[in-house]
Amino acid sequence: MVHVDDLAELYVAVLERADAGTIWHGVTESAVPVRDLAHAAGRAAGILAAPRAWPVSEAREALGEAFAGALALDQRVTGDAARKRLGWRPLRAGAVVELATGSYRTYEVLGTPDAADDVQAIAALVAAVEHAQQNELPDAFMSLVRTEHPCGPPPTVCDWRAGT
């Protein structure tokens, strides 16, 4: 549980001040309940109902043993050592707050007319990533994550398969 910008700052701190071979945990919040994350994610997607408990046996059937088991674990990891020994100071919102008020907050709910273009764009991007990975094309993969969009500013939708 860490904001990507806080994690980037930890990487810099590790490179500048940590001993070689040491391990650091980039964790802003320790032990955020999956239920809280699910509730915040649902709200961000426009779902107002609270999440319901899902028996682990049913989750295993639907999600597989490994993923269901990971969700059911009581995991507690802290970034306290990085704070104390490296002076790392994460400042961004936690995961639940970020889901509710930050970049994930919904303005449109899937299923609205404007969302259809988003779904097509996401599907095209996933297909492009899959193609680049399966064909071992690192430049094609990296072109998908560059900061300047090759087709212009959003909401432009590219046809990635055609290379435009």
N, C-alpha and C. Protein backbone atom coordinates (compact mmCIF):
# COMPACT_ATOMS: atom_id res chain seq x y z
N MET A 1 0.85 -1.17 0.00
CA MET A 1 0.00 0.00 0.00
C MET A 1 0.89 1.24 0.00
N VAL A 2 1.13 1.74 -1.20
CA VAL A 2 1.97 2.94 -1.34
C VAL A 2 1.62 3.63 -2.65
N HIS A 3 1.61 4.95 -2.60
CA HIS A 3 1.40 5.75 -3.80
C HIS A 3 2.66 5.67 -4.67
N VAL A 4 2.49 5.61 -5.97
CA VAL A 4 3.62 5.43 -6.87
C VAL A 4 4.67 6.53 -6.71
N ASP A 5 4.25 7.76 -6.45
CA ASP A 5 5.23 8.84 -6.28
C ASP A 5 6.02 8.68 -4.98
N ASP A 6 5.36 8.22 -3.92
CA ASP A 6 6.07 7.95 -2.68
C ASP A 6 7.06 6.80 -2.87
N LEU A 7 6.66 5.79 -3.63
CA LEU A 7 7.54 4.66 -3.90
C LEU A 7 8.77 5.12 -4.70
N ALA A 8 8.54 5.99 -5.66
CA ALA A 8 9.67 6.52 -6.44
C ALA A 8 10.66 7.25 -5.53
N GLU A 9 10.15 8.01 -4.57
CA GLU A 9 11.03 8.71 -3.64
C GLU A 9 11.79 7.72 -2.76
N LEU A 10 11.17 6.59 -2.42
CA LEU A 10 11.89 5.57 -1.67
C LEU A 10 13.01 4.97 -2.51
N TYR A 11 12.75 4.72 -3.78
CA TYR A 11 13.81 4.20 -4.65
C TYR A 11 15.02 5.14 -4.65
N VAL A 12 14.77 6.42 -4.75
CA VAL A 12 15.87 7.40 -4.72
C VAL A 12 16.61 7.31 -3.39
N ALA A 13 15.88 7.27 -2.29
CA ALA A 13 16.50 7.18 -0.97
C ALA A 13 17.35 5.91 -0.85
N VAL A 14 16.85 4.79 -1.36
CA VAL A 14 17.60 3.53 -1.30
C VAL A 14 18.88 3.65 -2.12
N LEU A 15 18.78 4.20 -3.33
CA LEU A 15 19.96 4.35 -4.18
C LEU A 15 21.00 5.27 -3.55
N GLU A 16 20.54 6.31 -2.89
CA GLU A 16 21.46 7.29 -2.32
C GLU A 16 22.02 6.89 -0.95
N ARG A 17 21.20 6.20 -0.11
CA ARG A 17 21.60 6.04 1.29
C ARG A 17 21.61 4.62 1.84
N ALA A 18 21.12 3.65 1.11
CA ALA A 18 21.03 2.29 1.66
C ALA A 18 22.28 1.48 1.32
N ASP A 19 22.58 0.55 2.19
CA ASP A 19 23.68 -0.38 1.94
C ASP A 19 23.27 -1.35 0.84
N ALA A 20 24.25 -1.77 0.05
CA ALA A 20 23.99 -2.75 -1.02
C ALA A 20 23.46 -4.04 -0.41
N GLY A 21 22.51 -4.65 -1.10
CA GLY A 21 21.97 -5.92 -0.67
C GLY A 21 20.90 -5.85 0.39
N THR A 22 20.50 -4.66 0.80
CA THR A 22 19.46 -4.54 1.82
C THR A 22 18.08 -4.58 1.17
N ILE A 23 17.09 -4.93 1.96
CA ILE A 23 15.71 -5.02 1.49
C ILE A 23 14.88 -3.99 2.23
N TRP A 24 14.03 -3.27 1.49
CA TRP A 24 13.20 -2.21 2.06
C TRP A 24 11.76 -2.42 1.66
N HIS A 25 10.87 -2.11 2.58
CA HIS A 25 9.44 -2.19 2.29
C HIS A 25 8.91 -0.79 2.05
N GLY A 26 8.35 -0.58 0.85
CA GLY A 26 7.74 0.70 0.51
C GLY A 26 6.26 0.64 0.85
N VAL A 27 5.94 0.80 2.12
CA VAL A 27 4.57 0.67 2.58
C VAL A 27 4.17 1.94 3.33
N THR A 28 3.14 2.59 2.87
CA THR A 28 2.63 3.77 3.56
C THR A 28 1.67 3.36 4.66
N GLU A 29 0.78 2.41 4.34
CA GLU A 29 -0.24 1.95 5.28
C GLU A 29 -0.06 0.46 5.51
N SER A 30 -0.03 0.06 6.73
CA SER A 30 0.10 -1.36 7.03
C SER A 30 -1.29 -1.96 7.25
N ALA A 31 -1.51 -3.11 6.65
CA ALA A 31 -2.72 -3.91 6.89
C ALA A 31 -4.03 -3.18 6.58
N VAL A 32 -4.17 -2.71 5.37
CA VAL A 32 -5.44 -2.12 4.94
C VAL A 32 -6.39 -3.26 4.64
N PRO A 33 -7.54 -3.32 5.29
CA PRO A 33 -8.48 -4.43 5.05
C PRO A 33 -8.97 -4.47 3.60
N VAL A 34 -8.99 -5.66 3.02
CA VAL A 34 -9.48 -5.83 1.65
C VAL A 34 -10.91 -5.31 1.54
N ARG A 35 -11.70 -5.48 2.60
CA ARG A 35 -13.08 -4.98 2.59
C ARG A 35 -13.12 -3.46 2.37
N ASP A 36 -12.22 -2.73 3.03
CA ASP A 36 -12.18 -1.28 2.87
C ASP A 36 -11.78 -0.90 1.44
N LEU A 37 -10.82 -1.62 0.88
CA LEU A 37 -10.41 -1.37 -0.50
C LEU A 37 -11.54 -1.68 -1.47
N ALA A 38 -12.22 -2.80 -1.26
CA ALA A 38 -13.33 -3.17 -2.13
C ALA A 38 -14.45 -2.13 -2.07
N HIS A 39 -14.75 -1.66 -0.87
CA HIS A 39 -15.80 -0.65 -0.71
C HIS A 39 -15.43 0.63 -1.45
N ALA A 40 -14.18 1.09 -1.27
CA ALA A 40 -13.74 2.32 -1.92
C ALA A 40 -13.69 2.15 -3.44
N ALA A 41 -13.22 0.99 -3.92
CA ALA A 41 -13.18 0.74 -5.36
C ALA A 41 -14.58 0.69 -5.94
N GLY A 42 -15.50 0.07 -5.23
CA GLY A 42 -16.89 0.04 -5.69
C GLY A 42 -17.49 1.43 -5.78
N ARG A 43 -17.24 2.24 -4.77
CA ARG A 43 -17.75 3.62 -4.80
C ARG A 43 -17.16 4.39 -5.98
N ALA A 44 -15.86 4.18 -6.24
CA ALA A 44 -15.22 4.86 -7.37
C ALA A 44 -15.84 4.43 -8.70
N ALA A 45 -16.35 3.20 -8.75
CA ALA A 45 -16.99 2.69 -9.96
C ALA A 45 -18.49 2.98 -9.99
N GLY A 46 -18.97 3.71 -8.99
CA GLY A 46 -20.38 4.07 -8.97
C GLY A 46 -21.27 3.06 -8.30
N ILE A 47 -20.71 2.10 -7.57
CA ILE A 47 -21.50 1.09 -6.87
C ILE A 47 -21.62 1.51 -5.42
N LEU A 48 -22.82 1.76 -4.98
CA LEU A 48 -23.03 2.30 -3.65
C LEU A 48 -23.21 1.23 -2.58
N ALA A 49 -23.52 0.01 -2.98
CA ALA A 49 -23.72 -1.06 -1.99
C ALA A 49 -22.39 -1.42 -1.33
N ALA A 50 -22.47 -1.80 -0.07
CA ALA A 50 -21.27 -2.24 0.65
C ALA A 50 -20.88 -3.64 0.18
N PRO A 51 -19.59 -3.95 0.20
CA PRO A 51 -19.18 -5.31 -0.18
C PRO A 51 -19.71 -6.34 0.81
N ARG A 52 -19.93 -7.54 0.32
CA ARG A 52 -20.39 -8.64 1.17
C ARG A 52 -19.25 -9.62 1.39
N ALA A 53 -19.27 -10.28 2.52
CA ALA A 53 -18.28 -11.32 2.80
C ALA A 53 -18.45 -12.45 1.80
N TRP A 54 -17.35 -13.04 1.39
CA TRP A 54 -17.35 -14.12 0.42
C TRP A 54 -16.62 -15.28 1.07
N PRO A 55 -17.27 -16.39 1.30
CA PRO A 55 -16.58 -17.54 1.91
C PRO A 55 -15.34 -17.92 1.10
N VAL A 56 -14.24 -18.17 1.80
CA VAL A 56 -12.97 -18.47 1.13
C VAL A 56 -13.11 -19.67 0.20
N SER A 57 -13.90 -20.67 0.60
CA SER A 57 -14.07 -21.85 -0.26
C SER A 57 -14.68 -21.47 -1.61
N GLU A 58 -15.65 -20.57 -1.61
CA GLU A 58 -16.26 -20.11 -2.86
C GLU A 58 -15.29 -19.24 -3.66
N ALA A 59 -14.55 -18.39 -2.95
CA ALA A 59 -13.56 -17.54 -3.63
C ALA A 59 -12.49 -18.40 -4.29
N ARG A 60 -12.07 -19.48 -3.65
CA ARG A 60 -11.06 -20.37 -4.24
C ARG A 60 -11.57 -20.98 -5.55
N GLU A 61 -12.85 -21.36 -5.55
CA GLU A 61 -13.43 -21.94 -6.77
C GLU A 61 -13.45 -20.91 -7.89
N ALA A 62 -13.77 -19.68 -7.57
CA ALA A 62 -13.90 -18.64 -8.60
C ALA A 62 -12.56 -18.02 -8.99
N LEU A 63 -11.67 -17.83 -8.03
CA LEU A 63 -10.42 -17.10 -8.27
C LEU A 63 -9.18 -17.96 -8.32
N GLY A 64 -9.30 -19.18 -7.86
CA GLY A 64 -8.13 -20.04 -7.75
C GLY A 64 -7.55 -19.97 -6.34
N GLU A 65 -6.84 -21.02 -5.99
CA GLU A 65 -6.29 -21.16 -4.64
C GLU A 65 -5.36 -20.01 -4.27
N ALA A 66 -4.42 -19.68 -5.14
CA ALA A 66 -3.39 -18.69 -4.80
C ALA A 66 -3.98 -17.30 -4.57
N PHE A 67 -4.82 -16.83 -5.49
CA PHE A 67 -5.35 -15.47 -5.35
C PHE A 67 -6.32 -15.37 -4.19
N ALA A 68 -7.21 -16.33 -4.05
CA ALA A 68 -8.16 -16.31 -2.94
C ALA A 68 -7.42 -16.40 -1.62
N GLY A 69 -6.40 -17.24 -1.57
CA GLY A 69 -5.60 -17.37 -0.35
C GLY A 69 -4.89 -16.07 0.00
N ALA A 70 -4.37 -15.38 -1.01
CA ALA A 70 -3.68 -14.10 -0.76
C ALA A 70 -4.64 -13.06 -0.21
N LEU A 71 -5.86 -13.03 -0.75
CA LEU A 71 -6.84 -12.07 -0.26
C LEU A 71 -7.26 -12.35 1.17
N ALA A 72 -7.20 -13.60 1.57
CA ALA A 72 -7.65 -13.99 2.91
C ALA A 72 -6.56 -13.86 3.97
N LEU A 73 -5.32 -13.64 3.55
CA LEU A 73 -4.21 -13.53 4.51
C LEU A 73 -4.32 -12.27 5.37
N ASP A 74 -3.81 -12.38 6.56
CA ASP A 74 -3.66 -11.21 7.43
C ASP A 74 -2.22 -10.73 7.26
N GLN A 75 -2.01 -9.83 6.30
CA GLN A 75 -0.66 -9.40 5.95
C GLN A 75 -0.35 -8.06 6.61
N ARG A 76 0.75 -8.02 7.31
CA ARG A 76 1.17 -6.79 7.96
C ARG A 76 2.64 -6.53 7.66
N VAL A 77 2.87 -5.51 6.85
CA VAL A 77 4.21 -5.08 6.49
C VAL A 77 4.25 -3.59 6.72
N THR A 78 5.35 -3.08 7.24
CA THR A 78 5.44 -1.64 7.46
C THR A 78 6.66 -1.07 6.75
N GLY A 79 6.62 0.22 6.53
CA GLY A 79 7.76 0.95 5.98
C GLY A 79 8.51 1.70 7.06
N ASP A 80 8.34 1.29 8.32
CA ASP A 80 8.96 2.01 9.44
C ASP A 80 10.48 2.07 9.33
N ALA A 81 11.10 0.97 8.91
CA ALA A 81 12.56 0.97 8.80
C ALA A 81 13.04 1.99 7.77
N ALA A 82 12.34 2.09 6.65
CA ALA A 82 12.71 3.06 5.61
C ALA A 82 12.53 4.49 6.12
N ARG A 83 11.51 4.70 6.93
CA ARG A 83 11.29 6.03 7.50
C ARG A 83 12.43 6.38 8.46
N LYS A 84 12.76 5.45 9.35
CA LYS A 84 13.75 5.72 10.39
C LYS A 84 15.16 5.78 9.83
N ARG A 85 15.54 4.81 9.02
CA ARG A 85 16.94 4.70 8.60
C ARG A 85 17.27 5.47 7.33
N LEU A 86 16.27 5.70 6.47
CA LEU A 86 16.53 6.40 5.22
C LEU A 86 15.89 7.79 5.18
N GLY A 87 15.08 8.11 6.18
CA GLY A 87 14.41 9.40 6.19
C GLY A 87 13.29 9.51 5.17
N TRP A 88 12.76 8.38 4.75
CA TRP A 88 11.68 8.38 3.76
C TRP A 88 10.41 8.92 4.39
N ARG A 89 9.75 9.83 3.73
CA ARG A 89 8.53 10.46 4.24
C ARG A 89 7.42 10.41 3.19
N PRO A 90 6.66 9.32 3.14
CA PRO A 90 5.54 9.28 2.19
C PRO A 90 4.50 10.32 2.57
N LEU A 91 4.05 11.08 1.58
CA LEU A 91 3.14 12.20 1.84
C LEU A 91 1.78 12.08 1.15
N ARG A 92 1.66 11.17 0.20
CA ARG A 92 0.42 11.10 -0.59
C ARG A 92 -0.68 10.36 0.17
N ALA A 93 -1.87 10.49 -0.35
CA ALA A 93 -3.04 9.85 0.26
C ALA A 93 -2.89 8.34 0.27
N GLY A 94 -3.50 7.71 1.26
CA GLY A 94 -3.52 6.26 1.34
C GLY A 94 -4.44 5.68 0.27
N ALA A 95 -4.42 4.36 0.13
CA ALA A 95 -5.15 3.69 -0.93
C ALA A 95 -6.66 3.93 -0.86
N VAL A 96 -7.24 3.84 0.31
CA VAL A 96 -8.68 4.01 0.43
C VAL A 96 -9.08 5.45 0.10
N VAL A 97 -8.33 6.40 0.61
CA VAL A 97 -8.61 7.82 0.33
C VAL A 97 -8.40 8.10 -1.15
N GLU A 98 -7.33 7.57 -1.73
CA GLU A 98 -7.05 7.78 -3.16
C GLU A 98 -8.18 7.22 -4.02
N LEU A 99 -8.67 6.04 -3.68
CA LEU A 99 -9.78 5.47 -4.43
C LEU A 99 -11.03 6.36 -4.34
N ALA A 100 -11.25 6.91 -3.18
CA ALA A 100 -12.47 7.69 -2.97
C ALA A 100 -12.39 9.11 -3.52
N THR A 101 -11.21 9.72 -3.48
CA THR A 101 -11.14 11.14 -3.82
C THR A 101 -10.10 11.48 -4.87
N GLY A 102 -9.24 10.56 -5.23
CA GLY A 102 -8.12 10.87 -6.11
C GLY A 102 -8.36 10.50 -7.55
N SER A 103 -7.33 10.00 -8.19
CA SER A 103 -7.35 9.75 -9.62
C SER A 103 -8.31 8.65 -10.04
N TYR A 104 -8.73 7.80 -9.09
CA TYR A 104 -9.67 6.73 -9.43
C TYR A 104 -11.13 7.19 -9.31
N ARG A 105 -11.38 8.32 -8.70
CA ARG A 105 -12.75 8.77 -8.47
C ARG A 105 -13.48 8.86 -9.79
N THR A 106 -14.67 8.34 -9.81
CA THR A 106 -15.41 8.27 -11.07
C THR A 106 -16.14 9.58 -11.37
N TYR A 107 -16.15 9.92 -12.63
CA TYR A 107 -16.99 11.00 -13.12
C TYR A 107 -18.06 10.42 -14.03
N GLU A 108 -17.76 9.28 -14.60
CA GLU A 108 -18.67 8.56 -15.48
C GLU A 108 -18.71 7.12 -14.98
N VAL A 109 -19.84 6.50 -15.04
CA VAL A 109 -19.96 5.11 -14.63
C VAL A 109 -19.96 4.25 -15.87
N LEU A 110 -19.25 3.09 -15.82
CA LEU A 110 -19.26 2.20 -16.97
C LEU A 110 -20.70 1.91 -17.37
N GLY A 111 -20.91 1.92 -18.66
CA GLY A 111 -22.25 1.69 -19.17
C GLY A 111 -22.88 2.97 -19.69
N THR A 112 -22.30 4.13 -19.36
CA THR A 112 -22.81 5.37 -19.91
C THR A 112 -22.28 5.50 -21.33
N PRO A 113 -22.91 6.30 -22.19
CA PRO A 113 -22.47 6.39 -23.58
C PRO A 113 -20.99 6.72 -23.74
N ASP A 114 -20.45 7.63 -22.92
CA ASP A 114 -19.05 8.01 -23.06
C ASP A 114 -18.11 6.87 -22.68
N ALA A 115 -18.56 5.95 -21.85
CA ALA A 115 -17.70 4.87 -21.39
C ALA A 115 -17.41 3.85 -22.50
N ALA A 116 -18.23 3.77 -23.52
CA ALA A 116 -18.01 2.80 -24.59
C ALA A 116 -16.67 3.05 -25.28
N ASP A 117 -16.32 4.30 -25.52
CA ASP A 117 -15.03 4.63 -26.11
C ASP A 117 -13.89 4.21 -25.19
N ASP A 118 -14.08 4.40 -23.89
CA ASP A 118 -13.05 4.00 -22.92
C ASP A 118 -12.82 2.50 -22.97
N VAL A 119 -13.89 1.73 -23.02
CA VAL A 119 -13.78 0.28 -23.05
C VAL A 119 -13.04 -0.16 -24.31
N GLN A 120 -13.35 0.44 -25.45
CA GLN A 120 -12.66 0.10 -26.69
C GLN A 120 -11.18 0.45 -26.60
N ALA A 121 -10.87 1.60 -26.03
CA ALA A 121 -9.48 2.02 -25.90
C ALA A 121 -8.71 1.08 -24.97
N ILE A 122 -9.34 0.67 -23.88
CA ILE A 122 -8.69 -0.25 -22.94
C ILE A 122 -8.46 -1.60 -23.62
N ALA A 123 -9.45 -2.10 -24.34
CA ALA A 123 -9.30 -3.38 -25.03
C ALA A 123 -8.17 -3.31 -26.06
N ALA A 124 -8.08 -2.20 -26.79
CA ALA A 124 -7.01 -2.04 -27.78
C ALA A 124 -5.64 -1.99 -27.10
N LEU A 125 -5.56 -1.31 -25.97
CA LEU A 125 -4.30 -1.23 -25.24
C LEU A 125 -3.88 -2.60 -24.73
N VAL A 126 -4.81 -3.34 -24.15
CA VAL A 126 -4.50 -4.69 -23.65
C VAL A 126 -4.02 -5.56 -24.81
N ALA A 127 -4.66 -5.48 -25.96
CA ALA A 127 -4.25 -6.26 -27.12
C ALA A 127 -2.84 -5.88 -27.56
N ALA A 128 -2.52 -4.59 -27.52
CA ALA A 128 -1.19 -4.13 -27.91
C ALA A 128 -0.13 -4.62 -26.93
N VAL A 129 -0.43 -4.58 -25.64
CA VAL A 129 0.50 -5.09 -24.63
C VAL A 129 0.74 -6.58 -24.85
N GLU A 130 -0.34 -7.32 -25.03
CA GLU A 130 -0.24 -8.76 -25.25
C GLU A 130 0.60 -9.06 -26.49
N HIS A 131 0.36 -8.33 -27.57
CA HIS A 131 1.12 -8.53 -28.82
C HIS A 131 2.61 -8.26 -28.59
N ALA A 132 2.93 -7.16 -27.92
CA ALA A 132 4.33 -6.81 -27.66
C ALA A 132 5.01 -7.85 -26.79
N GLN A 133 4.31 -8.34 -25.79
CA GLN A 133 4.89 -9.35 -24.90
C GLN A 133 5.09 -10.68 -25.62
N GLN A 134 4.08 -11.13 -26.34
CA GLN A 134 4.16 -12.43 -27.01
C GLN A 134 5.21 -12.45 -28.11
N ASN A 135 5.46 -11.30 -28.72
CA ASN A 135 6.42 -11.22 -29.82
C ASN A 135 7.75 -10.61 -29.40
N GLU A 136 7.92 -10.43 -28.08
CA GLU A 136 9.16 -9.91 -27.51
C GLU A 136 9.60 -8.62 -28.22
N LEU A 137 8.71 -7.62 -28.18
CA LEU A 137 8.96 -6.33 -28.82
C LEU A 137 9.05 -5.25 -27.74
N PRO A 138 10.22 -5.10 -27.09
CA PRO A 138 10.32 -4.15 -25.98
C PRO A 138 10.04 -2.71 -26.39
N ASP A 139 10.46 -2.30 -27.59
CA ASP A 139 10.20 -0.92 -28.01
C ASP A 139 8.70 -0.68 -28.19
N ALA A 140 8.01 -1.66 -28.74
CA ALA A 140 6.56 -1.53 -28.90
C ALA A 140 5.89 -1.45 -27.53
N PHE A 141 6.37 -2.27 -26.58
CA PHE A 141 5.80 -2.24 -25.23
C PHE A 141 6.06 -0.88 -24.59
N MET A 142 7.28 -0.39 -24.65
CA MET A 142 7.62 0.89 -24.01
C MET A 142 6.87 2.06 -24.66
N SER A 143 6.56 1.93 -25.93
CA SER A 143 5.82 3.02 -26.58
C SER A 143 4.42 3.17 -25.99
N LEU A 144 3.93 2.11 -25.34
CA LEU A 144 2.59 2.15 -24.76
C LEU A 144 2.58 2.89 -23.42
N VAL A 145 3.73 3.07 -22.80
CA VAL A 145 3.78 3.71 -21.49
C VAL A 145 4.53 5.03 -21.50
N ARG A 146 4.87 5.55 -22.66
CA ARG A 146 5.57 6.83 -22.71
C ARG A 146 4.65 7.95 -22.24
N THR A 147 5.24 9.05 -21.82
CA THR A 147 4.44 10.13 -21.25
C THR A 147 3.68 10.92 -22.30
N GLU A 148 4.20 11.04 -23.50
CA GLU A 148 3.47 11.74 -24.55
C GLU A 148 2.71 10.72 -25.37
N HIS A 149 1.43 10.94 -25.51
CA HIS A 149 0.59 10.01 -26.25
C HIS A 149 0.83 10.20 -27.74
N PRO A 150 1.11 9.13 -28.51
CA PRO A 150 1.44 9.26 -29.93
C PRO A 150 0.30 9.76 -30.80
N CYS A 151 -0.93 9.68 -30.31
CA CYS A 151 -2.08 10.09 -31.10
C CYS A 151 -2.61 11.46 -30.68
N GLY A 152 -1.92 12.11 -29.78
CA GLY A 152 -2.40 13.41 -29.32
C GLY A 152 -2.94 13.32 -27.92
N PRO A 153 -3.41 14.44 -27.39
CA PRO A 153 -3.89 14.46 -26.01
C PRO A 153 -5.20 13.71 -25.87
N PRO A 154 -5.48 13.21 -24.67
CA PRO A 154 -6.77 12.54 -24.44
C PRO A 154 -7.90 13.49 -24.80
N PRO A 155 -9.02 13.04 -25.25
CA PRO A 155 -9.50 11.66 -25.28
C PRO A 155 -9.27 10.94 -26.60
N THR A 156 -8.18 11.25 -27.31
CA THR A 156 -7.89 10.57 -28.57
C THR A 156 -7.80 9.06 -28.36
N VAL A 157 -8.36 8.30 -29.27
CA VAL A 157 -8.30 6.84 -29.19
C VAL A 157 -7.46 6.36 -30.36
N CYS A 158 -6.41 5.61 -30.10
CA CYS A 158 -5.54 5.08 -31.14
C CYS A 158 -6.01 3.71 -31.60
N ASP A 159 -5.73 3.40 -32.83
CA ASP A 159 -5.86 2.02 -33.27
C ASP A 159 -4.47 1.42 -33.18
N TRP A 160 -4.17 0.83 -32.02
CA TRP A 160 -2.82 0.33 -31.75
C TRP A 160 -2.43 -0.77 -32.74
N ARG A 161 -3.41 -1.55 -33.19
CA ARG A 161 -3.07 -2.64 -34.10
C ARG A 161 -2.56 -2.11 -35.42
N ALA A 162 -3.02 -0.94 -35.83
CA ALA A 162 -2.59 -0.37 -37.09
C ALA A 162 -1.34 0.49 -36.92
N GLY A 163 -0.90 0.66 -35.68
CA GLY A 163 0.30 1.44 -35.41
C GLY A 163 0.08 2.93 -35.48
N THR A 164 -1.17 3.37 -35.37
CA THR A 164 -1.45 4.82 -35.41
C THR A 164 -2.07 5.28 -34.13
